[in-house]
Amino acid sequence: MRKIFVFVLVALSTWTACSDDKDLGPDIPFVGSYQLPQGKSLADDRIVELFNTYGSYFLYEYTQKDFNWTQVSVGGSANYSYGTILGDPVYAGDWLDVMERIWLDFYPEDFLQKNLPYRILMADSIKQTYTYERPATYYKVYLTTNTLAIAGLNKDIVSLSGAAEKSFKNVLQQEFLKHLINSGALVAPDEFYYVSDYSKKATAGVEARTRGFVPSIDMEESYGSVYDWCTYIVYGTTELSRTDDLRHYLMNMISHAETESNSWETYLTYPLVKKKHDILKKYFLEEYGIDFQKIGNANAKYSE
């Protein structure tokens, strides 16, 4: 199958592709609005049903127009660009099975109807290329305003290892969470912010946990590391960021099980961390029908 390369601007989280650069074809021409079914997959009926249910387009054929597309000019300040390779529609059904299992099934239907991105772009792979000699970097997910591009539409989707599916799940859930926070779809209760003192920075480790702060896992999937974000006051302010505090709690909840010794099993031994964790878990379950910790607890089933 011919694979077509489309330039985009932003991507997140490393992914392995089954495509080869020499297979890339020309840029896709701009076209008009979407037509469903797209007619090249046995899963077309499922894709139409997803649109009828959520009002979102799941597309395996799309154009530059569907991204925040910026061509990086030669000689400009940027020395890299991001892009996607179109996937094989033969595997759309398998891809959808995985998406339901690691993503959609964790959220109520009415919530997804309001908050699922308008476009879900089904890609073989997403990558960063450079104007200098360096291998391309591959990614799992690309997020922009109301568009989520997700890799894996290829033969490898049918044989994901437990470790690969767990990593895929974490990255996809994290990017979807960013979409929800950026769009204002999630609002935390005031009581969450009454627990910790935001007026001064914390020392990393025990002091941070004692004061009720959990670490950032923003670099965990890519580099295997976490760090305490609360050691720095927000530039131009005199306090720690309440928004960052909420985001890091939810990111940890969707990415780690309560039984993980290097995460919640340890963090929850600190009274203020447990109090804030329990406030969020109860509130979002009651108000939104979402158990964010259940998403993270699902990781316990994966074998490495």
C-alpha atoms as a PDB file:
ATOM      1  CA  MET A   1       0.000   0.000   0.000  1.00  0.00           C
ATOM      2  CA  ARG A   2       1.344   3.485  -0.909  1.00  0.00           C
ATOM      3  CA  LYS A   3       2.092   5.574   2.167  1.00  0.00           C
ATOM      4  CA  ILE A   4       1.746   9.368   1.970  1.00  0.00           C
ATOM      5  CA  PHE A   5       3.666  11.819   4.152  1.00  0.00           C
ATOM      6  CA  VAL A   6       1.839  14.877   5.525  1.00  0.00           C
ATOM      7  CA  PHE A   7       3.746  17.627   7.356  1.00  0.00           C
ATOM      8  CA  VAL A   8       2.360  18.825  10.708  1.00  0.00           C
ATOM      9  CA  LEU A   9       3.690  20.874  13.610  1.00  0.00           C
ATOM     10  CA  VAL A  10       3.279  19.154  16.994  1.00  0.00           C
ATOM     11  CA  ALA A  11       3.526  15.582  18.306  1.00  0.00           C
ATOM     12  CA  LEU A  12       4.062  13.739  21.594  1.00  0.00           C
ATOM     13  CA  SER A  13       5.366  10.394  22.902  1.00  0.00           C
ATOM     14  CA  THR A  14       7.589   7.856  21.147  1.00  0.00           C
ATOM     15  CA  TRP A  15       6.209   5.175  18.766  1.00  0.00           C
ATOM     16  CA  THR A  16       7.681   2.471  16.563  1.00  0.00           C
ATOM     17  CA  ALA A  17       6.541   2.496  12.911  1.00  0.00           C
ATOM     18  CA  CYS A  18       6.379  -0.319  10.397  1.00  0.00           C
ATOM     19  CA  SER A  19       6.817   2.053   7.428  1.00  0.00           C
ATOM     20  CA  ASP A  20       9.976   2.908   5.527  1.00  0.00           C
ATOM     21  CA  ASP A  21      10.868   6.429   4.356  1.00  0.00           C
ATOM     22  CA  LYS A  22      11.440   5.255   0.791  1.00  0.00           C
ATOM     23  CA  ASP A  23       7.734   4.359   0.537  1.00  0.00           C
ATOM     24  CA  LEU A  24       6.589   7.938   1.094  1.00  0.00           C
ATOM     25  CA  GLY A  25       4.636   9.561  -1.720  1.00  0.00           C
ATOM     26  CA  PRO A  26       3.811  13.192  -2.538  1.00  0.00           C
ATOM     27  CA  ASP A  27       1.979  15.639  -0.283  1.00  0.00           C
ATOM     28  CA  ILE A  28      -1.789  15.073  -0.124  1.00  0.00           C
ATOM     29  CA  PRO A  29      -3.828  17.740  -1.958  1.00  0.00           C
ATOM     30  CA  PHE A  30      -6.330  19.832  -0.027  1.00  0.00           C
ATOM     31  CA  VAL A  31      -9.914  18.630  -0.356  1.00  0.00           C
ATOM     32  CA  GLY A  32     -13.336  19.574   0.961  1.00  0.00           C
ATOM     33  CA  SER A  33     -15.454  18.159   3.779  1.00  0.00           C
ATOM     34  CA  TYR A  34     -15.397  14.526   4.871  1.00  0.00           C
ATOM     35  CA  GLN A  35     -17.469  11.735   3.355  1.00  0.00           C
ATOM     36  CA  LEU A  36     -18.387   8.662   5.391  1.00  0.00           C
ATOM     37  CA  PRO A  37     -17.983   5.813   4.782  1.00  0.00           C
ATOM     38  CA  GLN A  38     -14.567   6.276   3.218  1.00  0.00           C
ATOM     39  CA  GLY A  39     -15.051   2.946   1.492  1.00  0.00           C
ATOM     40  CA  LYS A  40     -11.740   1.126   1.953  1.00  0.00           C
ATOM     41  CA  SER A  41     -12.235  -0.859   5.184  1.00  0.00           C
ATOM     42  CA  LEU A  42     -14.438  -3.626   6.491  1.00  0.00           C
ATOM     43  CA  ALA A  43     -14.730  -1.454   9.608  1.00  0.00           C
ATOM     44  CA  ASP A  44     -16.476   1.367   7.736  1.00  0.00           C
ATOM     45  CA  ASP A  45     -19.826   0.551   9.361  1.00  0.00           C
ATOM     46  CA  ARG A  46     -18.245   0.859  12.809  1.00  0.00           C
ATOM     47  CA  ILE A  47     -16.686   4.196  11.858  1.00  0.00           C
ATOM     48  CA  VAL A  48     -20.049   5.502  10.657  1.00  0.00           C
ATOM     49  CA  GLU A  49     -21.643   4.315  13.909  1.00  0.00           C
ATOM     50  CA  LEU A  50     -18.964   6.135  15.911  1.00  0.00           C
ATOM     51  CA  PHE A  51     -19.793   9.312  14.017  1.00  0.00           C
ATOM     52  CA  ASN A  52     -23.519   8.812  14.592  1.00  0.00           C
ATOM     53  CA  THR A  53     -22.901   8.250  18.315  1.00  0.00           C
ATOM     54  CA  TYR A  54     -20.309  10.929  19.078  1.00  0.00           C
ATOM     55  CA  GLY A  55     -20.344  13.350  16.149  1.00  0.00           C
ATOM     56  CA  SER A  56     -16.604  12.786  15.644  1.00  0.00           C
ATOM     57  CA  TYR A  57     -14.923  11.742  12.411  1.00  0.00           C
ATOM     58  CA  PHE A  58     -12.639   8.710  12.655  1.00  0.00           C
ATOM     59  CA  LEU A  59     -10.632   9.047   9.419  1.00  0.00           C
ATOM     60  CA  TYR A  60      -8.015   6.825   7.804  1.00  0.00           C
ATOM     61  CA  GLU A  61      -7.774   9.140   4.789  1.00  0.00           C
ATOM     62  CA  TYR A  62      -7.193  12.846   5.444  1.00  0.00           C
ATOM     63  CA  THR A  63      -5.242  15.868   4.206  1.00  0.00           C
ATOM     64  CA  GLN A  64      -2.873  18.607   5.357  1.00  0.00           C
ATOM     65  CA  LYS A  65      -5.954  20.710   5.977  1.00  0.00           C
ATOM     66  CA  ASP A  66      -6.858  18.395   8.861  1.00  0.00           C
ATOM     67  CA  PHE A  67      -3.740  19.401  10.791  1.00  0.00           C
ATOM     68  CA  ASN A  68      -2.384  22.704  12.010  1.00  0.00           C
ATOM     69  CA  TRP A  69      -0.104  22.558   9.020  1.00  0.00           C
ATOM     70  CA  THR A  70       3.040  24.701   8.732  1.00  0.00           C
ATOM     71  CA  GLN A  71       5.668  24.128   6.077  1.00  0.00           C
ATOM     72  CA  VAL A  72       9.142  24.681   7.542  1.00  0.00           C
ATOM     73  CA  SER A  73      11.072  26.699   4.974  1.00  0.00           C
ATOM     74  CA  VAL A  74      14.687  25.982   4.127  1.00  0.00           C
ATOM     75  CA  GLY A  75      16.909  28.438   5.924  1.00  0.00           C
ATOM     76  CA  GLY A  76      14.302  29.213   8.580  1.00  0.00           C
ATOM     77  CA  SER A  77      14.920  29.034  12.298  1.00  0.00           C
ATOM     78  CA  ALA A  78      13.329  25.580  12.674  1.00  0.00           C
ATOM     79  CA  ASN A  79      15.460  22.564  11.764  1.00  0.00           C
ATOM     80  CA  TYR A  80      12.768  19.906  12.148  1.00  0.00           C
ATOM     81  CA  SER A  81       9.145  19.180  11.261  1.00  0.00           C
ATOM     82  CA  TYR A  82       6.452  16.737  12.295  1.00  0.00           C
ATOM     83  CA  GLY A  83       4.433  14.495  10.028  1.00  0.00           C
ATOM     84  CA  THR A  84       2.230  11.455   9.679  1.00  0.00           C
ATOM     85  CA  ILE A  85       2.128   8.418   7.404  1.00  0.00           C
ATOM     86  CA  LEU A  86      -1.305   7.196   6.389  1.00  0.00           C
ATOM     87  CA  GLY A  87      -2.188   3.746   7.711  1.00  0.00           C
ATOM     88  CA  ASP A  88      -3.608   0.597   6.146  1.00  0.00           C
ATOM     89  CA  PRO A  89      -7.441   0.563   6.351  1.00  0.00           C
ATOM     90  CA  VAL A  90      -7.336  -3.248   6.441  1.00  0.00           C
ATOM     91  CA  TYR A  91      -6.421  -2.941  10.127  1.00  0.00           C
ATOM     92  CA  ALA A  92      -9.047  -0.319  11.035  1.00  0.00           C
ATOM     93  CA  GLY A  93     -11.194  -2.854  12.893  1.00  0.00           C
ATOM     94  CA  ASP A  94      -8.246  -4.100  14.958  1.00  0.00           C
ATOM     95  CA  TRP A  95      -7.217  -0.500  15.632  1.00  0.00           C
ATOM     96  CA  LEU A  96     -10.721   0.379  16.822  1.00  0.00           C
ATOM     97  CA  ASP A  97     -10.751  -2.671  19.106  1.00  0.00           C
ATOM     98  CA  VAL A  98      -7.613  -1.376  20.817  1.00  0.00           C
ATOM     99  CA  MET A  99      -8.930   2.191  21.022  1.00  0.00           C
ATOM    100  CA  GLU A 100     -12.115   1.024  22.725  1.00  0.00           C
ATOM    101  CA  ARG A 101     -10.179  -1.150  25.156  1.00  0.00           C
ATOM    102  CA  ILE A 102      -7.514   1.379  26.210  1.00  0.00           C
ATOM    103  CA  TRP A 103      -9.422   4.643  25.793  1.00  0.00           C
ATOM    104  CA  LEU A 104     -13.116   5.019  24.930  1.00  0.00           C
ATOM    105  CA  ASP A 105     -14.550   2.368  27.258  1.00  0.00           C
ATOM    106  CA  PHE A 106     -13.390   4.332  30.326  1.00  0.00           C
ATOM    107  CA  TYR A 107     -15.710   7.275  29.649  1.00  0.00           C
ATOM    108  CA  PRO A 108     -19.522   7.666  29.683  1.00  0.00           C
ATOM    109  CA  GLU A 109     -21.140   7.999  26.272  1.00  0.00           C
ATOM    110  CA  ASP A 110     -22.669  11.394  27.029  1.00  0.00           C
ATOM    111  CA  PHE A 111     -19.288  12.742  28.164  1.00  0.00           C
ATOM    112  CA  LEU A 112     -17.623  11.625  24.933  1.00  0.00           C
ATOM    113  CA  GLN A 113     -20.449  13.133  22.907  1.00  0.00           C
ATOM    114  CA  LYS A 114     -19.571  16.519  24.398  1.00  0.00           C
ATOM    115  CA  ASN A 115     -15.794  16.223  24.570  1.00  0.00           C
ATOM    116  CA  LEU A 116     -14.370  13.838  21.974  1.00  0.00           C
ATOM    117  CA  PRO A 117     -12.227  15.765  19.449  1.00  0.00           C
ATOM    118  CA  TYR A 118     -13.954  16.535  16.152  1.00  0.00           C
ATOM    119  CA  ARG A 119     -11.323  14.611  14.156  1.00  0.00           C
ATOM    120  CA  ILE A 120      -9.629  11.353  15.143  1.00  0.00           C
ATOM    121  CA  LEU A 121      -6.939  10.697  12.539  1.00  0.00           C
ATOM    122  CA  MET A 122      -5.960   7.039  12.213  1.00  0.00           C
ATOM    123  CA  ALA A 123      -2.263   6.967  11.257  1.00  0.00           C
ATOM    124  CA  ASP A 124       0.340   4.327  10.540  1.00  0.00           C
ATOM    125  CA  SER A 125       2.867   6.474  12.371  1.00  0.00           C
ATOM    126  CA  ILE A 126       3.684  10.011  13.420  1.00  0.00           C
ATOM    127  CA  LYS A 127       7.244  11.238  13.225  1.00  0.00           C
ATOM    128  CA  GLN A 128       9.646  14.101  13.633  1.00  0.00           C
ATOM    129  CA  THR A 129      12.190  14.628  10.846  1.00  0.00           C
ATOM    130  CA  TYR A 130      15.209  16.922  10.771  1.00  0.00           C
ATOM    131  CA  THR A 131      17.034  19.072   8.239  1.00  0.00           C
ATOM    132  CA  TYR A 132      20.357  17.653   9.449  1.00  0.00           C
ATOM    133  CA  GLU A 133      21.673  14.091   9.652  1.00  0.00           C
ATOM    134  CA  ARG A 134      19.664  12.389  12.372  1.00  0.00           C
ATOM    135  CA  PRO A 135      17.213   9.450  12.413  1.00  0.00           C
ATOM    136  CA  ALA A 136      13.522  10.324  12.553  1.00  0.00           C
ATOM    137  CA  THR A 137      11.783  10.153  15.934  1.00  0.00           C
ATOM    138  CA  TYR A 138       8.440   8.324  16.023  1.00  0.00           C
ATOM    139  CA  TYR A 139       5.430   9.177  18.174  1.00  0.00           C
ATOM    140  CA  LYS A 140       2.191   7.571  19.283  1.00  0.00           C
ATOM    141  CA  VAL A 141      -0.102  10.599  19.422  1.00  0.00           C
ATOM    142  CA  TYR A 142      -0.436  14.091  17.939  1.00  0.00           C
ATOM    143  CA  LEU A 143      -2.780  16.570  19.612  1.00  0.00           C
ATOM    144  CA  THR A 144      -3.931  19.940  18.356  1.00  0.00           C
ATOM    145  CA  THR A 145      -7.105  21.968  18.706  1.00  0.00           C
ATOM    146  CA  ASN A 146     -10.014  19.534  18.266  1.00  0.00           C
ATOM    147  CA  THR A 147      -7.853  17.007  16.412  1.00  0.00           C
ATOM    148  CA  LEU A 148      -6.209  13.863  17.753  1.00  0.00           C
ATOM    149  CA  ALA A 149      -3.960  11.824  15.485  1.00  0.00           C
ATOM    150  CA  ILE A 150      -3.195   8.320  16.749  1.00  0.00           C
ATOM    151  CA  ALA A 151      -0.607   5.945  15.306  1.00  0.00           C
ATOM    152  CA  GLY A 152      -0.809   2.159  15.000  1.00  0.00           C
ATOM    153  CA  LEU A 153      -2.980   1.623  11.909  1.00  0.00           C
ATOM    154  CA  ASN A 154      -0.798  -1.196  10.598  1.00  0.00           C
ATOM    155  CA  LYS A 155      -0.177  -4.919  11.021  1.00  0.00           C
ATOM    156  CA  ASP A 156       1.562  -4.439  14.375  1.00  0.00           C
ATOM    157  CA  ILE A 157      -1.720  -3.457  16.048  1.00  0.00           C
ATOM    158  CA  VAL A 158      -2.879  -7.092  16.074  1.00  0.00           C
ATOM    159  CA  SER A 159       0.066  -8.324  18.143  1.00  0.00           C
ATOM    160  CA  LEU A 160       0.817  -5.638  20.719  1.00  0.00           C
ATOM    161  CA  SER A 161       2.700  -6.912  23.742  1.00  0.00           C
ATOM    162  CA  GLY A 162       1.382  -6.123  27.189  1.00  0.00           C
ATOM    163  CA  ALA A 163       4.129  -3.549  27.706  1.00  0.00           C
ATOM    164  CA  ALA A 164       3.438  -1.887  24.340  1.00  0.00           C
ATOM    165  CA  GLU A 165      -0.319  -1.693  24.954  1.00  0.00           C
ATOM    166  CA  LYS A 166       0.214  -0.292  28.448  1.00  0.00           C
ATOM    167  CA  SER A 167       2.516   2.425  27.095  1.00  0.00           C
ATOM    168  CA  PHE A 168       0.098   3.181  24.249  1.00  0.00           C
ATOM    169  CA  LYS A 169      -2.759   3.465  26.743  1.00  0.00           C
ATOM    170  CA  ASN A 170      -0.844   5.799  29.033  1.00  0.00           C
ATOM    171  CA  VAL A 171       0.192   8.164  26.254  1.00  0.00           C
ATOM    172  CA  LEU A 172      -3.245   8.264  24.642  1.00  0.00           C
ATOM    173  CA  GLN A 173      -4.999   8.841  27.960  1.00  0.00           C
ATOM    174  CA  GLN A 174      -2.519  11.587  28.840  1.00  0.00           C
ATOM    175  CA  GLU A 175      -3.030  13.410  25.551  1.00  0.00           C
ATOM    176  CA  PHE A 176      -6.810  13.109  25.858  1.00  0.00           C
ATOM    177  CA  LEU A 177      -6.582  14.505  29.388  1.00  0.00           C
ATOM    178  CA  LYS A 178      -4.629  17.489  28.054  1.00  0.00           C
ATOM    179  CA  HIS A 179      -7.401  18.008  25.491  1.00  0.00           C
ATOM    180  CA  LEU A 180     -10.021  17.916  28.257  1.00  0.00           C
ATOM    181  CA  ILE A 181      -8.134  20.367  30.467  1.00  0.00           C
ATOM    182  CA  ASN A 182      -7.283  22.725  27.597  1.00  0.00           C
ATOM    183  CA  SER A 183     -10.900  22.803  26.449  1.00  0.00           C
ATOM    184  CA  GLY A 184     -12.220  23.490  29.953  1.00  0.00           C
ATOM    185  CA  ALA A 185     -14.158  20.212  30.060  1.00  0.00           C
ATOM    186  CA  LEU A 186     -12.907  19.374  33.574  1.00  0.00           C
ATOM    187  CA  VAL A 187     -13.277  21.602  36.627  1.00  0.00           C
ATOM    188  CA  ALA A 188     -11.980  20.470  40.008  1.00  0.00           C
ATOM    189  CA  PRO A 189     -13.797  21.194  43.293  1.00  0.00           C
ATOM    190  CA  ASP A 190     -12.564  24.102  45.410  1.00  0.00           C
ATOM    191  CA  GLU A 191     -11.884  21.757  48.331  1.00  0.00           C
ATOM    192  CA  PHE A 192      -9.005  20.188  46.366  1.00  0.00           C
ATOM    193  CA  TYR A 193      -7.167  23.510  46.396  1.00  0.00           C
ATOM    194  CA  TYR A 194      -7.726  24.109  50.135  1.00  0.00           C
ATOM    195  CA  VAL A 195      -5.478  21.216  51.183  1.00  0.00           C
ATOM    196  CA  SER A 196      -1.983  22.342  50.163  1.00  0.00           C
ATOM    197  CA  ASP A 197      -0.110  25.597  50.716  1.00  0.00           C
ATOM    198  CA  TYR A 198       0.734  27.126  47.317  1.00  0.00           C
ATOM    199  CA  SER A 199       2.473  30.211  48.727  1.00  0.00           C
ATOM    200  CA  LYS A 200       5.999  28.761  48.689  1.00  0.00           C
ATOM    201  CA  LYS A 201       7.971  26.197  46.774  1.00  0.00           C
ATOM    202  CA  ALA A 202       8.737  22.738  48.180  1.00  0.00           C
ATOM    203  CA  THR A 203      11.871  20.657  48.407  1.00  0.00           C
ATOM    204  CA  ALA A 204      11.744  17.585  46.162  1.00  0.00           C
ATOM    205  CA  GLY A 205      10.817  14.248  47.694  1.00  0.00           C
ATOM    206  CA  VAL A 206       9.518  13.868  51.224  1.00  0.00           C
ATOM    207  CA  GLU A 207       8.679  17.532  51.792  1.00  0.00           C
ATOM    208  CA  ALA A 208       6.762  17.733  48.505  1.00  0.00           C
ATOM    209  CA  ARG A 209       4.744  14.637  49.392  1.00  0.00           C
ATOM    210  CA  THR A 210       4.201  15.806  52.978  1.00  0.00           C
ATOM    211  CA  ARG A 211       2.708  19.029  51.644  1.00  0.00           C
ATOM    212  CA  GLY A 212       0.413  17.070  49.329  1.00  0.00           C
ATOM    213  CA  PHE A 213       2.172  17.345  45.957  1.00  0.00           C
ATOM    214  CA  VAL A 214       2.804  14.434  43.554  1.00  0.00           C
ATOM    215  CA  PRO A 215       5.533  14.544  40.891  1.00  0.00           C
ATOM    216  CA  SER A 216       5.213  15.326  37.205  1.00  0.00           C
ATOM    217  CA  ILE A 217       5.272  12.302  34.902  1.00  0.00           C
ATOM    218  CA  ASP A 218       5.457  14.394  31.713  1.00  0.00           C
ATOM    219  CA  MET A 219       8.771  12.769  30.740  1.00  0.00           C
ATOM    220  CA  GLU A 220       8.100   9.294  32.106  1.00  0.00           C
ATOM    221  CA  GLU A 221       7.043   7.565  28.876  1.00  0.00           C
ATOM    222  CA  SER A 222       9.796   9.171  26.790  1.00  0.00           C
ATOM    223  CA  TYR A 223      12.703   9.144  29.248  1.00  0.00           C
ATOM    224  CA  GLY A 224      11.609   6.998  32.197  1.00  0.00           C
ATOM    225  CA  SER A 225      11.942   9.850  34.669  1.00  0.00           C
ATOM    226  CA  VAL A 226       9.701  11.880  36.979  1.00  0.00           C
ATOM    227  CA  TYR A 227      10.423  15.168  38.722  1.00  0.00           C
ATOM    228  CA  ASP A 228       8.911  17.390  41.409  1.00  0.00           C
ATOM    229  CA  TRP A 229       7.321  20.349  39.630  1.00  0.00           C
ATOM    230  CA  CYS A 230       6.587  22.118  42.922  1.00  0.00           C
ATOM    231  CA  THR A 231      10.227  23.114  43.499  1.00  0.00           C
ATOM    232  CA  TYR A 232       9.679  26.210  41.337  1.00  0.00           C
ATOM    233  CA  ILE A 233       7.348  29.173  41.758  1.00  0.00           C
ATOM    234  CA  VAL A 234       5.477  30.110  38.575  1.00  0.00           C
ATOM    235  CA  TYR A 235       7.363  32.869  36.748  1.00  0.00           C
ATOM    236  CA  GLY A 236       5.755  36.249  37.283  1.00  0.00           C
ATOM    237  CA  THR A 237       3.771  35.072  40.311  1.00  0.00           C
ATOM    238  CA  THR A 238       4.415  34.456  44.003  1.00  0.00           C
ATOM    239  CA  GLU A 239       2.970  30.961  44.279  1.00  0.00           C
ATOM    240  CA  LEU A 240       2.827  27.436  42.894  1.00  0.00           C
ATOM    241  CA  SER A 241       0.421  26.708  40.057  1.00  0.00           C
ATOM    242  CA  ARG A 242      -2.932  25.272  41.138  1.00  0.00           C
ATOM    243  CA  THR A 243      -3.628  24.245  37.530  1.00  0.00           C
ATOM    244  CA  ASP A 244      -0.387  22.264  37.401  1.00  0.00           C
ATOM    245  CA  ASP A 245      -1.251  20.601  40.706  1.00  0.00           C
ATOM    246  CA  LEU A 246      -4.562  19.326  39.334  1.00  0.00           C
ATOM    247  CA  ARG A 247      -3.021  18.202  36.053  1.00  0.00           C
ATOM    248  CA  HIS A 248      -0.235  16.230  37.735  1.00  0.00           C
ATOM    249  CA  TYR A 249      -2.689  14.490  40.062  1.00  0.00           C
ATOM    250  CA  LEU A 250      -4.922  13.412  37.172  1.00  0.00           C
ATOM    251  CA  MET A 251      -1.942  12.418  35.011  1.00  0.00           C
ATOM    252  CA  ASN A 252      -0.657  10.152  37.784  1.00  0.00           C
ATOM    253  CA  MET A 253      -4.127   8.728  38.402  1.00  0.00           C
ATOM    254  CA  ILE A 254      -4.669   7.679  34.773  1.00  0.00           C
ATOM    255  CA  SER A 255      -1.134   6.346  34.366  1.00  0.00           C
ATOM    256  CA  HIS A 256      -0.407   4.369  37.545  1.00  0.00           C
ATOM    257  CA  ALA A 257      -2.239   1.773  39.594  1.00  0.00           C
ATOM    258  CA  GLU A 258      -2.785   2.251  43.311  1.00  0.00           C
ATOM    259  CA  THR A 259      -0.753  -0.928  43.854  1.00  0.00           C
ATOM    260  CA  GLU A 260       2.429   0.401  42.194  1.00  0.00           C
ATOM    261  CA  SER A 261       5.130   0.806  44.835  1.00  0.00           C
ATOM    262  CA  ASN A 262       6.947   3.552  42.902  1.00  0.00           C
ATOM    263  CA  SER A 263       3.742   5.561  42.625  1.00  0.00           C
ATOM    264  CA  TRP A 264       0.412   5.628  44.490  1.00  0.00           C
ATOM    265  CA  GLU A 265       1.191   2.818  46.925  1.00  0.00           C
ATOM    266  CA  THR A 266       3.902   5.107  48.322  1.00  0.00           C
ATOM    267  CA  TYR A 267       2.274   8.488  47.681  1.00  0.00           C
ATOM    268  CA  LEU A 268      -0.946   7.523  49.473  1.00  0.00           C
ATOM    269  CA  THR A 269       0.940   6.948  52.719  1.00  0.00           C
ATOM    270  CA  TYR A 270       1.188  10.762  52.971  1.00  0.00           C
ATOM    271  CA  PRO A 271      -2.062  12.117  54.531  1.00  0.00           C
ATOM    272  CA  LEU A 272      -2.400  15.254  52.390  1.00  0.00           C
ATOM    273  CA  VAL A 273      -1.734  13.348  49.157  1.00  0.00           C
ATOM    274  CA  LYS A 274      -4.376  10.788  50.108  1.00  0.00           C
ATOM    275  CA  LYS A 275      -6.858  13.521  50.976  1.00  0.00           C
ATOM    276  CA  LYS A 276      -6.429  15.300  47.630  1.00  0.00           C
ATOM    277  CA  HIS A 277      -6.429  12.020  45.688  1.00  0.00           C
ATOM    278  CA  ASP A 278      -9.657  10.882  47.344  1.00  0.00           C
ATOM    279  CA  ILE A 279     -11.332  14.256  46.769  1.00  0.00           C
ATOM    280  CA  LEU A 280     -10.648  14.052  43.028  1.00  0.00           C
ATOM    281  CA  LYS A 281     -11.565  10.391  42.708  1.00  0.00           C
ATOM    282  CA  LYS A 282     -14.929  10.879  44.431  1.00  0.00           C
ATOM    283  CA  TYR A 283     -15.781  14.194  42.774  1.00  0.00           C
ATOM    284  CA  PHE A 284     -15.117  13.205  39.149  1.00  0.00           C
ATOM    285  CA  LEU A 285     -16.923   9.900  39.598  1.00  0.00           C
ATOM    286  CA  GLU A 286     -20.002  11.608  41.054  1.00  0.00           C
ATOM    287  CA  GLU A 287     -20.062  14.689  38.814  1.00  0.00           C
ATOM    288  CA  TYR A 288     -18.745  13.311  35.520  1.00  0.00           C
ATOM    289  CA  GLY A 289     -19.179   9.564  35.813  1.00  0.00           C
ATOM    290  CA  ILE A 290     -15.422   9.097  35.293  1.00  0.00           C
ATOM    291  CA  ASP A 291     -13.198   7.062  37.600  1.00  0.00           C
ATOM    292  CA  PHE A 292      -9.769   8.400  36.693  1.00  0.00           C
ATOM    293  CA  GLN A 293      -8.015   6.059  39.094  1.00  0.00           C
ATOM    294  CA  LYS A 294      -9.728   3.076  37.455  1.00  0.00           C
ATOM    295  CA  ILE A 295      -7.919   4.043  34.242  1.00  0.00           C
ATOM    296  CA  GLY A 296      -4.579   3.820  36.017  1.00  0.00           C
ATOM    297  CA  ASN A 297      -5.533   0.676  37.962  1.00  0.00           C
ATOM    298  CA  ALA A 298      -6.156  -1.087  34.635  1.00  0.00           C
ATOM    299  CA  ASN A 299      -2.387  -1.072  34.090  1.00  0.00           C
ATOM    300  CA  ALA A 300      -2.009  -3.777  36.731  1.00  0.00           C
ATOM    301  CA  LYS A 301      -3.336  -6.379  34.258  1.00  0.00           C
ATOM    302  CA  TYR A 302      -0.521  -5.902  31.734  1.00  0.00           C
ATOM    303  CA  SER A 303       2.468  -8.192  31.746  1.00  0.00           C
ATOM    304  CA  GLU A 304       5.757  -6.790  30.555  1.00  0.00           C
END
